[in-house]
Amino acid sequence: MTDIQALDRQGRFQIERLGLPSDPAADVYHHLMAISWPRFIALLISTYFAINLVFGTLYWLVDGSIKGARPGSYMDAFFFSVQTLATIGYGELSPGSTYGHWVVSLEACAGTLGFALIAGLAFAKFSVPSARILFSRIMIVREQAGLQLLEFRLANARPNQLVDVKVKATLARNEMTSKGEVHRRLQPLVLLVSETPLFALSFVVTHVMDEHSPLNLLSSDPLDECNCEIIVTLTGIDDALGQAVYARTVYTRADIRWQHRFVSTLTMGDRGRLQLDLRNFHDAVPDKAQGLDT
């Protein structure tokens, strides 16, 4: 059966949604808050130029609406719109007729409201708390004391601390029935340690693949069918902001390294203080190699 992957590595759904409400303006605020900063800035710049193009065209359509502008010059009309929208007012160009005054009034109103909305949206996006969590790019499977362990690790990429951190791992199986219907089953993976009161260093998360695990039949055989994803979520409280933050990632079958162990990231410094070295955070070596767990 062809693998069905519903999530990308950041935990965003890759699903074509059909039958959603047809009114795109019904949730504009949520959409603007959800898009990335590069897309948000690109949207603002595009909207800014679009508004000036519209108002520049209105000035250009009626001769004499701008005093000091060259007759028929669209560039003068466009840049007069830029000056009006930003309330610059160099003085060389000004409204030259009643029509021009009305368009200036309309644009001034649009600019005042528009910049207020943009400032509010930018502040809202900027003030949303976020966590900078490093998730290991791979998961490992190793044996210890006769048990087969599935492990991945996390690290706090900021110098602050997160408190009351909770980690959850969920197995998502995408199954197709004989009738061609796709079913998505979610099964929690029990973790040996899923909480930590303080999170400032690295944190290895372990799941025992015993007979009670949904992954008990998973093997290193590439022909072993497991059309599944492992969804990992982390929640905690940022001690600097005093607000809840979260992070997530998704692992697939291709991310698992069998009979490996993570390279240690914790060492003892010259002054007897622990040192966290994240340069080899994503590295793993065959299980026969010597090393300490972090």
C-alpha atoms as a PDB file:
ATOM      1  CA  MET A   1       0.000   0.000   0.000  1.00  0.00           C
ATOM      2  CA  THR A   2       1.288   3.479  -0.835  1.00  0.00           C
ATOM      3  CA  ASP A   3       2.301   5.480   2.240  1.00  0.00           C
ATOM      4  CA  ILE A   4      -0.162   8.187   3.207  1.00  0.00           C
ATOM      5  CA  GLN A   5       1.573  11.039   5.036  1.00  0.00           C
ATOM      6  CA  ALA A   6      -0.874  13.554   6.455  1.00  0.00           C
ATOM      7  CA  LEU A   7       1.619  15.784   8.316  1.00  0.00           C
ATOM      8  CA  ASP A   8       4.871  17.504   7.462  1.00  0.00           C
ATOM      9  CA  ARG A   9       7.882  17.613   9.787  1.00  0.00           C
ATOM     10  CA  GLN A  10       6.552  20.681  11.632  1.00  0.00           C
ATOM     11  CA  GLY A  11       3.227  18.964  12.313  1.00  0.00           C
ATOM     12  CA  ARG A  12       1.216  20.891   9.728  1.00  0.00           C
ATOM     13  CA  PHE A  13      -1.495  18.949   7.925  1.00  0.00           C
ATOM     14  CA  GLN A  14      -0.886  18.267   4.239  1.00  0.00           C
ATOM     15  CA  ILE A  15      -4.512  17.643   3.403  1.00  0.00           C
ATOM     16  CA  GLU A  16      -6.640  19.083   0.659  1.00  0.00           C
ATOM     17  CA  ARG A  17      -9.731  20.349   2.425  1.00  0.00           C
ATOM     18  CA  LEU A  18     -13.012  20.161   0.550  1.00  0.00           C
ATOM     19  CA  GLY A  19     -16.428  21.466   1.505  1.00  0.00           C
ATOM     20  CA  LEU A  20     -15.176  24.267   3.762  1.00  0.00           C
ATOM     21  CA  PRO A  21     -17.279  27.463   4.136  1.00  0.00           C
ATOM     22  CA  SER A  22     -16.959  29.484   0.949  1.00  0.00           C
ATOM     23  CA  ASP A  23     -16.581  32.876   2.666  1.00  0.00           C
ATOM     24  CA  PRO A  24     -12.813  33.516   2.901  1.00  0.00           C
ATOM     25  CA  ALA A  25     -13.367  36.759   4.819  1.00  0.00           C
ATOM     26  CA  ALA A  26     -15.056  34.978   7.721  1.00  0.00           C
ATOM     27  CA  ASP A  27     -11.758  34.248   9.498  1.00  0.00           C
ATOM     28  CA  VAL A  28      -9.266  36.745   8.087  1.00  0.00           C
ATOM     29  CA  TYR A  29      -7.788  37.582  11.498  1.00  0.00           C
ATOM     30  CA  HIS A  30      -6.993  33.946  12.294  1.00  0.00           C
ATOM     31  CA  HIS A  31      -5.460  33.451   8.856  1.00  0.00           C
ATOM     32  CA  LEU A  32      -3.226  36.508   9.259  1.00  0.00           C
ATOM     33  CA  MET A  33      -2.146  35.341  12.710  1.00  0.00           C
ATOM     34  CA  ALA A  34      -1.406  31.833  11.440  1.00  0.00           C
ATOM     35  CA  ILE A  35       0.735  32.666   8.405  1.00  0.00           C
ATOM     36  CA  SER A  36       4.500  32.977   8.732  1.00  0.00           C
ATOM     37  CA  TRP A  37       6.272  36.295   9.218  1.00  0.00           C
ATOM     38  CA  PRO A  38       7.759  36.333   5.671  1.00  0.00           C
ATOM     39  CA  ARG A  39       4.322  35.774   4.141  1.00  0.00           C
ATOM     40  CA  PHE A  40       2.771  38.356   6.482  1.00  0.00           C
ATOM     41  CA  ILE A  41       5.342  41.007   5.516  1.00  0.00           C
ATOM     42  CA  ALA A  42       5.017  40.139   1.820  1.00  0.00           C
ATOM     43  CA  LEU A  43       1.232  40.507   2.133  1.00  0.00           C
ATOM     44  CA  LEU A  44       1.586  43.923   3.791  1.00  0.00           C
ATOM     45  CA  ILE A  45       3.957  45.190   1.099  1.00  0.00           C
ATOM     46  CA  SER A  46       1.708  43.898  -1.672  1.00  0.00           C
ATOM     47  CA  THR A  47      -1.347  45.488  -0.069  1.00  0.00           C
ATOM     48  CA  TYR A  48       0.498  48.802   0.353  1.00  0.00           C
ATOM     49  CA  PHE A  49       1.432  48.968  -3.330  1.00  0.00           C
ATOM     50  CA  ALA A  50      -2.037  47.806  -4.397  1.00  0.00           C
ATOM     51  CA  ILE A  51      -3.702  50.614  -2.432  1.00  0.00           C
ATOM     52  CA  ASN A  52      -1.392  53.198  -3.974  1.00  0.00           C
ATOM     53  CA  LEU A  53      -2.029  51.806  -7.438  1.00  0.00           C
ATOM     54  CA  VAL A  54      -5.783  52.125  -6.906  1.00  0.00           C
ATOM     55  CA  PHE A  55      -5.659  55.669  -5.575  1.00  0.00           C
ATOM     56  CA  GLY A  56      -2.996  56.682  -8.098  1.00  0.00           C
ATOM     57  CA  THR A  57      -5.356  55.552 -10.843  1.00  0.00           C
ATOM     58  CA  LEU A  58      -8.210  57.600  -9.345  1.00  0.00           C
ATOM     59  CA  TYR A  59      -6.039  60.742  -9.380  1.00  0.00           C
ATOM     60  CA  TRP A  60      -4.772  59.995 -12.900  1.00  0.00           C
ATOM     61  CA  LEU A  61      -8.259  59.507 -14.383  1.00  0.00           C
ATOM     62  CA  VAL A  62      -9.279  63.145 -13.851  1.00  0.00           C
ATOM     63  CA  ASP A  63      -6.971  65.871 -15.169  1.00  0.00           C
ATOM     64  CA  GLY A  64      -6.239  68.684 -12.748  1.00  0.00           C
ATOM     65  CA  SER A  65      -6.937  66.671  -9.611  1.00  0.00           C
ATOM     66  CA  ILE A  66      -3.295  67.156  -8.503  1.00  0.00           C
ATOM     67  CA  LYS A  67      -1.786  70.633  -8.450  1.00  0.00           C
ATOM     68  CA  GLY A  68       1.842  70.623  -9.620  1.00  0.00           C
ATOM     69  CA  ALA A  69       1.639  67.246 -11.372  1.00  0.00           C
ATOM     70  CA  ARG A  70       2.684  66.822 -14.983  1.00  0.00           C
ATOM     71  CA  PRO A  71      -0.368  66.425 -17.270  1.00  0.00           C
ATOM     72  CA  GLY A  72      -1.154  62.742 -17.881  1.00  0.00           C
ATOM     73  CA  SER A  73       1.725  61.532 -15.668  1.00  0.00           C
ATOM     74  CA  TYR A  74       0.724  58.342 -13.868  1.00  0.00           C
ATOM     75  CA  MET A  75       3.991  58.336 -11.940  1.00  0.00           C
ATOM     76  CA  ASP A  76       3.146  61.725 -10.393  1.00  0.00           C
ATOM     77  CA  ALA A  77      -0.311  60.427  -9.494  1.00  0.00           C
ATOM     78  CA  PHE A  78       1.153  57.262  -7.941  1.00  0.00           C
ATOM     79  CA  PHE A  79       3.777  59.073  -5.868  1.00  0.00           C
ATOM     80  CA  PHE A  80       1.235  61.671  -4.745  1.00  0.00           C
ATOM     81  CA  SER A  81      -0.811  58.734  -3.465  1.00  0.00           C
ATOM     82  CA  VAL A  82       2.245  57.432  -1.596  1.00  0.00           C
ATOM     83  CA  GLN A  83       2.762  60.855   0.007  1.00  0.00           C
ATOM     84  CA  THR A  84      -0.901  61.139   0.952  1.00  0.00           C
ATOM     85  CA  LEU A  85      -1.197  57.608   2.373  1.00  0.00           C
ATOM     86  CA  ALA A  86       1.920  58.068   4.506  1.00  0.00           C
ATOM     87  CA  THR A  87       1.002  61.710   5.395  1.00  0.00           C
ATOM     88  CA  ILE A  88       4.392  62.892   4.102  1.00  0.00           C
ATOM     89  CA  GLY A  89       3.286  65.999   2.215  1.00  0.00           C
ATOM     90  CA  TYR A  90       6.388  67.460   0.552  1.00  0.00           C
ATOM     91  CA  GLY A  91       4.361  70.444  -0.668  1.00  0.00           C
ATOM     92  CA  GLU A  92       5.189  70.212  -4.372  1.00  0.00           C
ATOM     93  CA  LEU A  93       2.044  68.190  -5.107  1.00  0.00           C
ATOM     94  CA  SER A  94      -1.342  68.978  -3.604  1.00  0.00           C
ATOM     95  CA  PRO A  95      -5.047  68.513  -4.435  1.00  0.00           C
ATOM     96  CA  GLY A  96      -5.981  70.691  -7.385  1.00  0.00           C
ATOM     97  CA  SER A  97      -9.747  70.299  -7.521  1.00  0.00           C
ATOM     98  CA  THR A  98     -12.774  69.322  -5.485  1.00  0.00           C
ATOM     99  CA  TYR A  99     -12.494  65.812  -6.914  1.00  0.00           C
ATOM    100  CA  GLY A 100      -8.866  65.650  -5.811  1.00  0.00           C
ATOM    101  CA  HIS A 101      -9.798  66.758  -2.286  1.00  0.00           C
ATOM    102  CA  TRP A 102     -12.449  64.035  -2.046  1.00  0.00           C
ATOM    103  CA  VAL A 103     -10.007  61.338  -3.171  1.00  0.00           C
ATOM    104  CA  VAL A 104      -7.393  62.647  -0.717  1.00  0.00           C
ATOM    105  CA  SER A 105      -9.971  62.525   2.076  1.00  0.00           C
ATOM    106  CA  LEU A 106     -10.876  58.946   1.187  1.00  0.00           C
ATOM    107  CA  GLU A 107      -7.240  57.885   0.999  1.00  0.00           C
ATOM    108  CA  ALA A 108      -6.372  59.624   4.269  1.00  0.00           C
ATOM    109  CA  CYS A 109      -9.194  57.721   5.965  1.00  0.00           C
ATOM    110  CA  ALA A 110      -8.049  54.431   4.437  1.00  0.00           C
ATOM    111  CA  GLY A 111      -4.461  55.117   5.470  1.00  0.00           C
ATOM    112  CA  THR A 112      -5.343  55.977   9.065  1.00  0.00           C
ATOM    113  CA  LEU A 113      -7.499  52.884   9.519  1.00  0.00           C
ATOM    114  CA  GLY A 114      -5.121  50.661   7.569  1.00  0.00           C
ATOM    115  CA  PHE A 115      -2.006  51.578   9.536  1.00  0.00           C
ATOM    116  CA  ALA A 116      -3.908  51.134  12.804  1.00  0.00           C
ATOM    117  CA  LEU A 117      -4.972  47.623  11.739  1.00  0.00           C
ATOM    118  CA  ILE A 118      -1.471  46.755  10.533  1.00  0.00           C
ATOM    119  CA  ALA A 119       0.084  47.934  13.806  1.00  0.00           C
ATOM    120  CA  GLY A 120      -2.438  45.898  15.797  1.00  0.00           C
ATOM    121  CA  LEU A 121      -1.853  42.748  13.746  1.00  0.00           C
ATOM    122  CA  ALA A 122       1.933  43.127  13.890  1.00  0.00           C
ATOM    123  CA  PHE A 123       1.854  43.588  17.671  1.00  0.00           C
ATOM    124  CA  ALA A 124      -0.492  40.611  18.073  1.00  0.00           C
ATOM    125  CA  LYS A 125       1.807  38.360  16.033  1.00  0.00           C
ATOM    126  CA  PHE A 126       4.907  39.662  17.792  1.00  0.00           C
ATOM    127  CA  SER A 127       3.416  39.117  21.253  1.00  0.00           C
ATOM    128  CA  VAL A 128       2.426  35.481  20.674  1.00  0.00           C
ATOM    129  CA  PRO A 129       4.672  33.405  22.979  1.00  0.00           C
ATOM    130  CA  SER A 130       6.751  30.738  21.300  1.00  0.00           C
ATOM    131  CA  ALA A 131       9.243  28.078  22.295  1.00  0.00           C
ATOM    132  CA  ARG A 132      12.511  27.332  20.519  1.00  0.00           C
ATOM    133  CA  ILE A 133      12.745  23.593  20.962  1.00  0.00           C
ATOM    134  CA  LEU A 134      15.219  21.407  19.111  1.00  0.00           C
ATOM    135  CA  PHE A 135      13.822  18.000  18.206  1.00  0.00           C
ATOM    136  CA  SER A 136      16.333  15.408  17.081  1.00  0.00           C
ATOM    137  CA  ARG A 137      15.996  14.836  13.349  1.00  0.00           C
ATOM    138  CA  ILE A 138      15.957  11.086  13.935  1.00  0.00           C
ATOM    139  CA  MET A 139      14.583   8.540  16.364  1.00  0.00           C
ATOM    140  CA  ILE A 140      16.698   5.606  17.482  1.00  0.00           C
ATOM    141  CA  VAL A 141      15.890   2.052  18.519  1.00  0.00           C
ATOM    142  CA  ARG A 142      18.317   0.314  20.889  1.00  0.00           C
ATOM    143  CA  GLU A 143      18.273  -2.583  23.277  1.00  0.00           C
ATOM    144  CA  GLN A 144      18.826  -2.343  27.012  1.00  0.00           C
ATOM    145  CA  ALA A 145      18.271  -5.000  29.668  1.00  0.00           C
ATOM    146  CA  GLY A 146      16.419  -7.149  27.152  1.00  0.00           C
ATOM    147  CA  LEU A 147      14.030  -4.358  26.217  1.00  0.00           C
ATOM    148  CA  GLN A 148      13.759  -2.607  22.872  1.00  0.00           C
ATOM    149  CA  LEU A 149      13.656   1.150  23.371  1.00  0.00           C
ATOM    150  CA  LEU A 150      12.485   3.842  20.962  1.00  0.00           C
ATOM    151  CA  GLU A 151      14.088   7.202  21.776  1.00  0.00           C
ATOM    152  CA  PHE A 152      14.256  10.774  20.558  1.00  0.00           C
ATOM    153  CA  ARG A 153      15.577  13.828  22.308  1.00  0.00           C
ATOM    154  CA  LEU A 154      14.760  17.468  22.866  1.00  0.00           C
ATOM    155  CA  ALA A 155      16.778  20.531  23.801  1.00  0.00           C
ATOM    156  CA  ASN A 156      15.899  24.074  24.783  1.00  0.00           C
ATOM    157  CA  ALA A 157      17.520  26.367  22.201  1.00  0.00           C
ATOM    158  CA  ARG A 158      17.093  29.416  24.445  1.00  0.00           C
ATOM    159  CA  PRO A 159      19.106  30.283  27.563  1.00  0.00           C
ATOM    160  CA  ASN A 160      15.922  30.508  29.646  1.00  0.00           C
ATOM    161  CA  GLN A 161      14.067  27.713  31.402  1.00  0.00           C
ATOM    162  CA  LEU A 162      10.724  26.101  30.749  1.00  0.00           C
ATOM    163  CA  VAL A 163       8.817  24.866  33.774  1.00  0.00           C
ATOM    164  CA  ASP A 164       6.225  22.117  34.144  1.00  0.00           C
ATOM    165  CA  VAL A 165       7.073  20.645  30.734  1.00  0.00           C
ATOM    166  CA  LYS A 166       4.962  17.786  29.412  1.00  0.00           C
ATOM    167  CA  VAL A 167       5.778  15.662  26.366  1.00  0.00           C
ATOM    168  CA  LYS A 168       3.309  13.456  24.513  1.00  0.00           C
ATOM    169  CA  ALA A 169       3.903  11.023  21.670  1.00  0.00           C
ATOM    170  CA  THR A 170       1.065   9.659  19.556  1.00  0.00           C
ATOM    171  CA  LEU A 171       1.148   7.040  16.829  1.00  0.00           C
ATOM    172  CA  ALA A 172      -1.017   7.991  13.862  1.00  0.00           C
ATOM    173  CA  ARG A 173      -1.821   5.150  11.493  1.00  0.00           C
ATOM    174  CA  ASN A 174      -3.295   5.788   8.074  1.00  0.00           C
ATOM    175  CA  GLU A 175      -5.178   2.655   7.074  1.00  0.00           C
ATOM    176  CA  MET A 176      -7.091   1.929   3.908  1.00  0.00           C
ATOM    177  CA  THR A 177      -9.912  -0.575   3.989  1.00  0.00           C
ATOM    178  CA  SER A 178     -10.778  -3.050   1.264  1.00  0.00           C
ATOM    179  CA  LYS A 179     -13.514  -0.622   0.196  1.00  0.00           C
ATOM    180  CA  GLY A 180     -10.973   2.152  -0.405  1.00  0.00           C
ATOM    181  CA  GLU A 181     -11.890   4.154   2.694  1.00  0.00           C
ATOM    182  CA  VAL A 182      -9.054   5.866   4.578  1.00  0.00           C
ATOM    183  CA  HIS A 183      -9.141   5.686   8.368  1.00  0.00           C
ATOM    184  CA  ARG A 184      -6.769   7.576  10.656  1.00  0.00           C
ATOM    185  CA  ARG A 185      -6.195   5.866  14.006  1.00  0.00           C
ATOM    186  CA  LEU A 186      -4.485   7.645  16.902  1.00  0.00           C
ATOM    187  CA  GLN A 187      -2.813   5.591  19.638  1.00  0.00           C
ATOM    188  CA  PRO A 188      -0.868   7.111  22.550  1.00  0.00           C
ATOM    189  CA  LEU A 189       2.694   5.909  23.131  1.00  0.00           C
ATOM    190  CA  VAL A 190       3.478   5.447  26.809  1.00  0.00           C
ATOM    191  CA  LEU A 191       6.704   7.245  27.732  1.00  0.00           C
ATOM    192  CA  LEU A 192       8.973   6.253  30.604  1.00  0.00           C
ATOM    193  CA  VAL A 193       9.396   9.915  31.568  1.00  0.00           C
ATOM    194  CA  SER A 194       7.021  12.412  30.014  1.00  0.00           C
ATOM    195  CA  GLU A 195       7.311  15.371  32.398  1.00  0.00           C
ATOM    196  CA  THR A 196      10.080  17.486  33.848  1.00  0.00           C
ATOM    197  CA  PRO A 197       9.713  20.353  36.341  1.00  0.00           C
ATOM    198  CA  LEU A 198      12.572  22.328  34.739  1.00  0.00           C
ATOM    199  CA  PHE A 199      13.763  22.113  31.141  1.00  0.00           C
ATOM    200  CA  ALA A 200      16.993  23.949  30.391  1.00  0.00           C
ATOM    201  CA  LEU A 201      19.260  21.264  28.932  1.00  0.00           C
ATOM    202  CA  SER A 202      18.524  18.199  26.807  1.00  0.00           C
ATOM    203  CA  PHE A 203      15.871  15.600  27.467  1.00  0.00           C
ATOM    204  CA  VAL A 204      15.823  12.037  26.105  1.00  0.00           C
ATOM    205  CA  VAL A 205      12.301  10.653  25.712  1.00  0.00           C
ATOM    206  CA  THR A 206      11.944   6.862  25.783  1.00  0.00           C
ATOM    207  CA  HIS A 207       9.163   4.490  24.767  1.00  0.00           C
ATOM    208  CA  VAL A 208       9.398   0.752  25.474  1.00  0.00           C
ATOM    209  CA  MET A 209       8.416  -1.318  22.436  1.00  0.00           C
ATOM    210  CA  ASP A 210       7.045  -4.270  24.411  1.00  0.00           C
ATOM    211  CA  GLU A 211       3.940  -6.382  23.860  1.00  0.00           C
ATOM    212  CA  HIS A 212       1.740  -3.550  25.135  1.00  0.00           C
ATOM    213  CA  SER A 213       3.142  -1.013  22.668  1.00  0.00           C
ATOM    214  CA  PRO A 214       1.369  -0.174  19.390  1.00  0.00           C
ATOM    215  CA  LEU A 215       4.850  -0.478  17.846  1.00  0.00           C
ATOM    216  CA  ASN A 216       5.565  -3.982  19.123  1.00  0.00           C
ATOM    217  CA  LEU A 217       5.505  -5.440  15.596  1.00  0.00           C
ATOM    218  CA  LEU A 218       7.683  -2.717  14.083  1.00  0.00           C
ATOM    219  CA  SER A 219      11.030  -4.003  12.831  1.00  0.00           C
ATOM    220  CA  SER A 220      14.001  -2.816  10.811  1.00  0.00           C
ATOM    221  CA  ASP A 221      12.772  -4.806   7.805  1.00  0.00           C
ATOM    222  CA  PRO A 222      11.962  -2.197   5.113  1.00  0.00           C
ATOM    223  CA  LEU A 223       9.242  -4.502   3.808  1.00  0.00           C
ATOM    224  CA  ASP A 224       7.473  -4.442   7.144  1.00  0.00           C
ATOM    225  CA  GLU A 225       4.402  -2.314   6.484  1.00  0.00           C
ATOM    226  CA  CYS A 226       3.872   0.550   8.903  1.00  0.00           C
ATOM    227  CA  ASN A 227       2.011   3.371   7.241  1.00  0.00           C
ATOM    228  CA  CYS A 228       2.338   5.560  10.298  1.00  0.00           C
ATOM    229  CA  GLU A 229       3.580   8.820  11.773  1.00  0.00           C
ATOM    230  CA  ILE A 230       4.712   9.597  15.309  1.00  0.00           C
ATOM    231  CA  ILE A 231       3.423  12.986  16.460  1.00  0.00           C
ATOM    232  CA  VAL A 232       5.350  14.605  19.308  1.00  0.00           C
ATOM    233  CA  THR A 233       4.040  17.615  21.206  1.00  0.00           C
ATOM    234  CA  LEU A 234       5.627  19.607  24.030  1.00  0.00           C
ATOM    235  CA  THR A 235       3.913  22.104  26.315  1.00  0.00           C
ATOM    236  CA  GLY A 236       5.365  24.158  29.134  1.00  0.00           C
ATOM    237  CA  ILE A 237       5.519  27.580  30.748  1.00  0.00           C
ATOM    238  CA  ASP A 238       8.205  30.083  29.779  1.00  0.00           C
ATOM    239  CA  ASP A 239       9.703  31.398  33.040  1.00  0.00           C
ATOM    240  CA  ALA A 240      10.615  34.743  31.431  1.00  0.00           C
ATOM    241  CA  LEU A 241       7.183  35.386  29.913  1.00  0.00           C
ATOM    242  CA  GLY A 242       5.039  33.530  32.424  1.00  0.00           C
ATOM    243  CA  GLN A 243       2.984  32.171  29.532  1.00  0.00           C
ATOM    244  CA  ALA A 244       2.304  28.728  28.127  1.00  0.00           C
ATOM    245  CA  VAL A 245       4.312  27.746  25.048  1.00  0.00           C
ATOM    246  CA  TYR A 246       4.252  24.684  22.835  1.00  0.00           C
ATOM    247  CA  ALA A 247       6.227  22.953  20.118  1.00  0.00           C
ATOM    248  CA  ARG A 248       5.640  19.933  17.904  1.00  0.00           C
ATOM    249  CA  THR A 249       7.246  17.716  15.318  1.00  0.00           C
ATOM    250  CA  VAL A 250       6.437  14.574  13.353  1.00  0.00           C
ATOM    251  CA  TYR A 251       8.568  11.483  12.712  1.00  0.00           C
ATOM    252  CA  THR A 252       8.027   8.872  10.019  1.00  0.00           C
ATOM    253  CA  ARG A 253       9.348   5.363   9.528  1.00  0.00           C
ATOM    254  CA  ALA A 254      12.271   6.744   7.498  1.00  0.00           C
ATOM    255  CA  ASP A 255      13.477   8.765  10.519  1.00  0.00           C
ATOM    256  CA  ILE A 256      14.171   5.691  12.673  1.00  0.00           C
ATOM    257  CA  ARG A 257      17.748   4.437  13.066  1.00  0.00           C
ATOM    258  CA  TRP A 258      17.971   0.869  14.317  1.00  0.00           C
ATOM    259  CA  GLN A 259      20.545  -0.276  16.890  1.00  0.00           C
ATOM    260  CA  HIS A 260      21.968   3.206  17.356  1.00  0.00           C
ATOM    261  CA  ARG A 261      22.458   5.498  20.317  1.00  0.00           C
ATOM    262  CA  PHE A 262      22.641   9.267  20.499  1.00  0.00           C
ATOM    263  CA  VAL A 263      25.998  10.954  20.863  1.00  0.00           C
ATOM    264  CA  SER A 264      26.345  12.532  24.288  1.00  0.00           C
ATOM    265  CA  THR A 265      25.772  16.280  24.501  1.00  0.00           C
ATOM    266  CA  LEU A 266      26.577  16.758  28.199  1.00  0.00           C
ATOM    267  CA  THR A 267      30.172  17.107  29.369  1.00  0.00           C
ATOM    268  CA  MET A 268      31.917  18.366  32.476  1.00  0.00           C
ATOM    269  CA  GLY A 269      33.674  21.700  32.031  1.00  0.00           C
ATOM    270  CA  ASP A 270      37.008  22.822  33.456  1.00  0.00           C
ATOM    271  CA  ARG A 271      35.327  24.600  36.353  1.00  0.00           C
ATOM    272  CA  GLY A 272      33.224  21.610  37.313  1.00  0.00           C
ATOM    273  CA  ARG A 273      30.112  22.908  35.587  1.00  0.00           C
ATOM    274  CA  LEU A 274      27.987  20.954  33.136  1.00  0.00           C
ATOM    275  CA  GLN A 275      28.324  21.950  29.494  1.00  0.00           C
ATOM    276  CA  LEU A 276      25.647  21.350  26.856  1.00  0.00           C
ATOM    277  CA  ASP A 277      27.134  20.939  23.373  1.00  0.00           C
ATOM    278  CA  LEU A 278      24.411  21.008  20.725  1.00  0.00           C
ATOM    279  CA  ARG A 279      26.775  20.717  17.768  1.00  0.00           C
ATOM    280  CA  ASN A 280      26.243  16.949  17.662  1.00  0.00           C
ATOM    281  CA  PHE A 281      22.683  17.028  18.966  1.00  0.00           C
ATOM    282  CA  HIS A 282      21.248  15.192  15.932  1.00  0.00           C
ATOM    283  CA  ASP A 283      24.059  12.626  15.653  1.00  0.00           C
ATOM    284  CA  ALA A 284      23.755   8.953  16.509  1.00  0.00           C
ATOM    285  CA  VAL A 285      26.308   6.120  16.383  1.00  0.00           C
ATOM    286  CA  PRO A 286      25.926   2.329  16.230  1.00  0.00           C
ATOM    287  CA  ASP A 287      24.915   0.886  19.571  1.00  0.00           C
ATOM    288  CA  LYS A 288      28.219  -0.930  19.989  1.00  0.00           C
ATOM    289  CA  ALA A 289      29.997   2.446  20.297  1.00  0.00           C
ATOM    290  CA  GLN A 290      30.828   3.600  23.804  1.00  0.00           C
ATOM    291  CA  GLY A 291      29.080   6.660  25.146  1.00  0.00           C
ATOM    292  CA  LEU A 292      26.784   7.928  27.835  1.00  0.00           C
ATOM    293  CA  ASP A 293      23.151   8.782  27.441  1.00  0.00           C
ATOM    294  CA  THR A 294      22.225  12.392  27.935  1.00  0.00           C
END
